[in-house]
């Protein structure tokens, strides 16, 4: 039954995320918001909805380790798994905004999260507010710095003519799917962790993290296979920033998140920082501003080592 709950939870999160993205983009067109802004804000927030719902649900159900490691694991998976597999399908070009804005901001958010958690072993309400306020500031800077862009390849033009009735139906389906998907995924994962004798932190950084990253992985691989530019390193880094700023930030604003599993600080978040830091030498050596198949293989291999160590040491 617990495995069935996890599988159904995964499916509902994918469905809910897709409907929420579609309805959010369509609604944004109704308010005449530019495609560029939609791609960088509305779509980013909508694709972070699975992580947000799972983290809030875990925090309120007494599983703070799942709430924190869901984000940490998702950030690791975005770089090691999603970016790695996407690069194996097709070489990814890296624009200058990577080292000018996106990567430095991601490192600041990552280091801030580490400091907040290690300082008093809890992500408090005011610390969550700081993370969320930082995210808003980042989005303002991001939109202003990208004013020269004419649009976003990520946004489907056909969503501009969707009826209001269909938007409402999509919103209801997305909200319901995300709610029940997050509830079933957390509940099933907790039962699996109990049955296997492993910690909820391990489940959060592995099973749940991969599950909430499935939409990004599917979209990235499909886009790469079609030789489209709908996926980029900047988008994935932006997703990592959103995960820390919105998911953990908003969750902590609702309920303070204590660190109940010591390995979160001694192991898991160190891996997250390591995957973020390795992007710099990986992008500039030996070929600059691109991630080819060999580099993608390195990332996937590193992610495999991470998963192996997670399950063998805990």
Protein backbone atom coordinates (compact mmCIF):
# COMPACT_ATOMS: atom_id res chain seq x y z
CA UNK A 1 0.00 0.00 0.00
CA UNK A 2 2.83 2.42 0.83
CA UNK A 3 4.51 1.78 -2.55
CA UNK A 4 1.16 2.38 -4.26
CA UNK A 5 0.78 5.67 -2.40
CA UNK A 6 4.25 6.79 -3.52
CA UNK A 7 3.59 5.85 -7.16
CA UNK A 8 0.19 7.57 -7.17
CA UNK A 9 1.75 10.56 -5.43
CA UNK A 10 4.42 10.84 -8.14
CA UNK A 11 1.80 10.63 -10.90
CA UNK A 12 -0.43 13.24 -9.31
CA UNK A 13 2.50 15.62 -8.77
CA UNK A 14 3.42 15.41 -12.46
CA UNK A 15 -0.21 15.92 -13.51
CA UNK A 16 -0.76 18.71 -11.01
CA UNK A 17 2.44 20.51 -11.98
CA UNK A 18 1.56 20.36 -15.68
CA UNK A 19 -1.97 21.71 -15.19
CA UNK A 20 -0.74 24.42 -12.84
CA UNK A 21 1.89 25.59 -15.34
CA UNK A 22 -0.65 25.66 -18.18
CA UNK A 23 -3.30 27.51 -16.18
CA UNK A 24 -0.77 29.98 -14.73
CA UNK A 25 0.67 30.84 -18.14
CA UNK A 26 -2.79 31.16 -19.69
CA UNK A 27 -3.93 33.39 -16.82
CA UNK A 28 -0.79 35.53 -17.21
CA UNK A 29 -1.61 36.10 -20.88
CA UNK A 30 -5.05 37.37 -19.80
CA UNK A 31 -3.28 40.10 -17.82
CA UNK A 32 -0.99 40.92 -20.79
CA UNK A 33 2.19 39.84 -19.00
CA UNK A 34 5.12 39.41 -21.40
CA UNK A 35 6.34 35.94 -22.34
CA UNK A 36 9.76 36.71 -20.89
CA UNK A 37 8.34 37.60 -17.48
CA UNK A 38 5.99 34.60 -17.56
CA UNK A 39 8.88 32.25 -18.25
CA UNK A 40 11.08 33.62 -15.49
CA UNK A 41 8.45 34.05 -12.77
CA UNK A 42 5.10 32.33 -13.28
CA UNK A 43 6.48 29.12 -14.80
CA UNK A 44 9.31 28.96 -12.25
CA UNK A 45 6.92 29.24 -9.33
CA UNK A 46 4.46 26.75 -10.83
CA UNK A 47 7.15 24.11 -11.43
CA UNK A 48 8.27 24.53 -7.80
CA UNK A 49 4.74 23.82 -6.57
CA UNK A 50 5.35 20.05 -6.08
CA UNK A 51 8.35 20.74 -3.82
CA UNK A 52 6.40 23.43 -1.95
CA UNK A 53 3.35 21.24 -1.29
CA UNK A 54 5.50 18.28 -0.25
CA UNK A 55 7.59 20.40 2.13
CA UNK A 56 4.58 22.07 3.75
CA UNK A 57 2.82 18.72 4.10
CA UNK A 58 5.93 17.13 5.63
CA UNK A 59 6.46 20.00 8.06
CA UNK A 60 2.89 19.84 9.34
CA UNK A 61 2.88 16.04 9.55
CA UNK A 62 5.89 16.05 11.89
CA UNK A 63 8.57 15.15 9.34
CA UNK A 64 10.85 18.22 9.13
CA UNK A 65 13.74 16.14 7.74
CA UNK A 66 11.64 15.39 4.65
CA UNK A 67 10.76 19.07 4.26
CA UNK A 68 14.41 20.18 4.27
CA UNK A 69 15.92 17.27 2.36
CA UNK A 70 13.23 17.47 -0.30
CA UNK A 71 14.73 20.81 -1.33
CA UNK A 72 18.36 19.78 -0.80
CA UNK A 73 17.84 16.57 -2.75
CA UNK A 74 15.95 18.35 -5.53
CA UNK A 75 18.76 20.89 -5.93
CA UNK A 76 21.29 18.06 -6.17
CA UNK A 77 19.09 16.19 -8.65
CA UNK A 78 18.60 19.31 -10.80
CA UNK A 79 22.36 19.55 -11.40
CA UNK A 80 23.53 15.96 -11.18
CA UNK A 81 20.57 14.13 -12.70
CA UNK A 82 18.52 16.60 -14.79
CA UNK A 83 21.42 18.66 -16.17
CA UNK A 84 23.61 15.57 -16.56
CA UNK A 85 21.05 13.51 -18.49
CA UNK A 86 20.04 16.51 -20.61
CA UNK A 87 23.70 17.07 -21.58
CA UNK A 88 23.96 13.40 -22.56
CA UNK A 89 21.11 13.97 -25.00
CA UNK A 90 22.43 17.24 -26.44
CA UNK A 91 25.22 19.71 -25.65
CA UNK A 92 23.99 22.65 -23.55
CA UNK A 93 25.22 26.15 -24.23
CA UNK A 94 25.94 28.45 -21.28
CA UNK A 95 25.30 32.19 -21.50
CA UNK A 96 27.19 34.86 -19.61
CA UNK A 97 24.38 35.40 -17.11
CA UNK A 98 25.59 32.15 -15.54
CA UNK A 99 28.65 33.69 -13.90
CA UNK A 100 27.37 37.26 -13.81
CA UNK A 101 24.15 36.64 -11.87
CA UNK A 102 22.61 33.17 -11.64
CA UNK A 103 25.46 31.11 -10.19
CA UNK A 104 26.63 33.71 -7.63
CA UNK A 105 23.04 34.15 -6.39
CA UNK A 106 22.56 30.38 -6.15
CA UNK A 107 25.73 30.10 -4.04
CA UNK A 108 24.57 32.95 -1.78
CA UNK A 109 21.21 31.25 -1.21
CA UNK A 110 22.89 27.89 -0.61
CA UNK A 111 25.39 29.30 1.86
CA UNK A 112 22.65 31.30 3.61
CA UNK A 113 20.60 28.12 4.03
CA UNK A 114 23.61 26.30 5.47
CA UNK A 115 24.29 29.17 7.90
CA UNK A 116 20.68 29.42 9.04
CA UNK A 117 20.39 25.67 9.66
CA UNK A 118 23.78 25.25 11.37
CA UNK A 119 23.41 28.36 13.53
CA UNK A 120 20.65 27.04 15.81
CA UNK A 121 19.48 23.84 14.09
CA UNK A 122 16.21 25.40 12.96
CA UNK A 123 14.98 27.41 9.99
CA UNK A 124 12.94 30.02 11.82
CA UNK A 125 10.09 32.17 10.59
CA UNK A 126 12.24 35.28 10.18
CA UNK A 127 14.96 33.31 8.36
CA UNK A 128 12.29 32.02 5.98
CA UNK A 129 11.23 35.61 5.47
CA UNK A 130 14.81 36.59 4.62
CA UNK A 131 15.06 33.80 2.03
CA UNK A 132 11.73 34.71 0.43
CA UNK A 133 12.58 38.44 0.38
CA UNK A 134 15.90 37.57 -1.25
CA UNK A 135 14.03 35.63 -3.92
CA UNK A 136 11.79 38.61 -4.70
CA UNK A 137 14.87 40.83 -5.01
CA UNK A 138 16.53 38.29 -7.33
CA UNK A 139 13.44 38.16 -9.58
CA UNK A 140 13.34 41.97 -9.82
CA UNK A 141 17.00 42.08 -10.84
CA UNK A 142 16.50 39.15 -13.23
CA UNK A 143 13.58 40.77 -15.03
CA UNK A 144 15.36 44.12 -15.33
CA UNK A 145 18.57 42.55 -16.63
CA UNK A 146 16.66 40.62 -19.28
CA UNK A 147 14.66 43.51 -20.74
CA UNK A 148 16.50 43.23 -24.03
CA UNK A 149 15.13 39.71 -24.56
CA UNK A 150 12.11 39.63 -26.84
CA UNK A 151 10.52 36.53 -25.41
CA UNK A 152 10.85 33.10 -23.90
CA UNK A 153 11.01 29.85 -25.86
CA UNK A 154 9.54 28.09 -22.85
CA UNK A 155 6.10 29.69 -23.16
CA UNK A 156 3.49 28.17 -25.47
CA UNK A 157 1.73 30.86 -27.55
CA UNK A 158 -1.42 28.74 -27.90
CA UNK A 159 -2.13 29.27 -24.20
CA UNK A 160 -2.91 32.92 -24.97
CA UNK A 161 -6.35 32.02 -26.39
CA UNK A 162 -7.54 29.59 -23.72
CA UNK A 163 -11.03 30.30 -22.33
CA UNK A 164 -11.56 31.45 -18.75
CA UNK A 165 -13.62 28.33 -18.01
CA UNK A 166 -10.80 26.04 -19.11
CA UNK A 167 -8.29 28.01 -17.02
CA UNK A 168 -10.46 27.56 -13.92
CA UNK A 169 -10.82 23.81 -14.58
CA UNK A 170 -7.05 23.47 -15.05
CA UNK A 171 -6.42 25.35 -11.80
CA UNK A 172 -8.81 23.10 -9.88
CA UNK A 173 -7.32 19.93 -11.35
CA UNK A 174 -3.78 21.13 -10.69
CA UNK A 175 -4.52 22.18 -7.10
CA UNK A 176 -6.31 18.93 -6.27
CA UNK A 177 -3.62 16.76 -7.88
CA UNK A 178 -0.81 18.60 -6.07
CA UNK A 179 -2.60 18.42 -2.72
CA UNK A 180 -3.36 14.69 -2.81
CA UNK A 181 -0.10 13.88 -4.59
CA UNK A 182 1.99 15.57 -1.91
CA UNK A 183 -0.05 13.99 0.90
CA UNK A 184 0.20 10.47 -0.52
CA UNK A 185 3.88 10.82 -1.42
CA UNK A 186 4.87 11.96 2.08
CA UNK A 187 2.70 9.36 3.81
CA UNK A 188 3.87 6.49 1.59
CA UNK A 189 7.52 7.53 1.87
CA UNK A 190 7.33 7.68 5.67
CA UNK A 191 5.90 4.14 5.75
CA UNK A 192 8.62 2.87 3.40
CA UNK A 193 11.33 4.49 5.54
CA UNK A 194 9.88 2.84 8.65
CA UNK A 195 9.60 -0.57 6.97
CA UNK A 196 13.16 -0.44 5.56
CA UNK A 197 14.66 0.92 8.76
CA UNK A 198 16.12 4.03 7.14
CA UNK A 199 15.67 7.65 8.16
CA UNK A 200 13.13 10.05 6.72
CA UNK A 201 16.07 12.29 5.79
CA UNK A 202 17.34 9.62 3.38
CA UNK A 203 13.89 9.23 1.84
CA UNK A 204 13.60 13.00 1.51
CA UNK A 205 16.95 13.50 -0.22
CA UNK A 206 16.49 10.57 -2.59
CA UNK A 207 13.04 9.16 -3.37
CA UNK A 208 10.96 12.29 -2.75
CA UNK A 209 13.57 14.64 -4.26
CA UNK A 210 13.69 12.65 -7.50
CA UNK A 211 9.90 12.47 -7.57
CA UNK A 212 9.46 16.22 -7.32
CA UNK A 213 12.14 16.71 -10.01
CA UNK A 214 10.44 14.40 -12.51
CA UNK A 215 8.59 17.23 -14.35
CA UNK A 216 11.83 19.18 -14.86
CA UNK A 217 13.67 16.04 -16.00
CA UNK A 218 10.98 15.07 -18.52
CA UNK A 219 10.72 18.60 -19.95
CA UNK A 220 14.50 18.97 -20.20
CA UNK A 221 15.09 15.67 -21.99
CA UNK A 222 12.24 16.26 -24.44
CA UNK A 223 13.47 19.77 -25.21
CA UNK A 224 17.04 18.56 -25.75
CA UNK A 225 15.89 15.73 -28.00
CA UNK A 226 14.00 18.26 -30.15
CA UNK A 227 17.07 20.52 -30.28
CA UNK A 228 15.06 23.30 -28.68
CA UNK A 229 16.45 26.01 -26.39
CA UNK A 230 13.71 25.63 -23.81
CA UNK A 231 16.18 24.33 -21.27
CA UNK A 232 19.38 25.97 -20.15
CA UNK A 233 21.77 25.92 -17.25
CA UNK A 234 20.40 29.27 -16.14
CA UNK A 235 16.90 27.82 -15.90
CA UNK A 236 18.02 24.97 -13.66
CA UNK A 237 20.05 27.29 -11.44
CA UNK A 238 17.02 29.54 -11.21
CA UNK A 239 14.98 26.53 -10.14
CA UNK A 240 17.48 25.81 -7.34
CA UNK A 241 17.22 29.41 -6.16
CA UNK A 242 13.43 29.17 -6.26
CA UNK A 243 13.49 25.94 -4.26
CA UNK A 244 15.41 27.56 -1.40
CA UNK A 245 13.76 30.97 -1.55
CA UNK A 246 10.14 30.00 -2.15
CA UNK A 247 9.78 26.39 -0.99
CA UNK A 248 11.80 26.54 2.25
CA UNK A 249 11.21 30.26 2.67
CA UNK A 250 7.41 30.00 2.51
CA UNK A 251 7.33 26.74 4.49
CA UNK A 252 9.35 28.33 7.32
CA UNK A 253 7.05 31.37 7.27
CA UNK A 254 4.14 29.01 7.94
CA UNK A 255 5.96 26.75 10.41
CA UNK A 256 9.56 26.82 11.69
CA UNK A 257 11.53 23.80 10.44
CA UNK A 258 13.87 22.11 12.95
CA UNK A 259 16.87 20.02 11.90
CA UNK A 260 16.08 16.59 13.33
CA UNK A 261 18.59 14.56 11.31
CA UNK A 262 22.31 15.43 11.88
CA UNK A 263 23.33 14.07 8.47
CA UNK A 264 21.50 16.99 6.84
CA UNK A 265 24.28 19.34 7.93
CA UNK A 266 27.22 16.92 7.97
CA UNK A 267 26.55 15.28 4.62
CA UNK A 268 23.53 16.19 2.48
CA UNK A 269 23.86 19.97 2.32
CA UNK A 270 27.63 19.57 1.75
CA UNK A 271 26.84 17.55 -1.37
CA UNK A 272 24.43 20.27 -2.49
CA UNK A 273 27.15 22.91 -2.12
CA UNK A 274 29.64 20.64 -3.89
CA UNK A 275 27.40 20.09 -6.92
CA UNK A 276 26.83 23.85 -7.14
CA UNK A 277 30.55 24.70 -6.84
CA UNK A 278 31.73 22.12 -9.39
CA UNK A 279 29.76 23.86 -12.15
CA UNK A 280 32.41 26.59 -12.51
CA UNK A 281 35.41 24.39 -13.45
CA UNK A 282 33.08 22.09 -15.38
CA UNK A 283 31.84 24.93 -17.58
CA UNK A 284 35.18 26.61 -18.25
CA UNK A 285 37.35 23.49 -18.67
CA UNK A 286 38.32 22.34 -21.21
CA UNK A 287 35.75 23.89 -23.58
CA UNK A 288 34.32 27.17 -22.34
CA UNK A 289 30.62 27.91 -21.89
CA UNK A 290 29.23 24.53 -22.80
CA UNK A 291 28.29 21.28 -21.13
CA UNK A 292 28.84 18.40 -23.51
CA UNK A 293 28.13 14.68 -23.19
CA UNK A 294 31.38 13.94 -21.34
CA UNK A 295 30.61 16.58 -18.73
CA UNK A 296 27.05 15.29 -18.52
CA UNK A 297 28.42 11.81 -17.86
CA UNK A 298 30.59 13.23 -15.05
CA UNK A 299 27.54 14.84 -13.44
CA UNK A 300 25.40 11.70 -13.69
CA UNK A 301 28.29 9.61 -12.36
CA UNK A 302 28.73 11.96 -9.40
CA UNK A 303 25.00 11.76 -8.70
CA UNK A 304 25.22 7.98 -8.80
CA UNK A 305 28.04 8.06 -6.23
CA UNK A 306 25.94 10.36 -4.04
CA UNK A 307 22.95 8.01 -4.12
CA UNK A 308 25.16 4.96 -3.47
CA UNK A 309 26.75 6.58 -0.42
CA UNK A 310 23.39 7.77 0.87
CA UNK A 311 21.95 4.25 1.01
CA UNK A 312 25.10 2.43 2.09
CA UNK A 313 26.07 4.75 4.94
CA UNK A 314 22.62 5.21 6.50
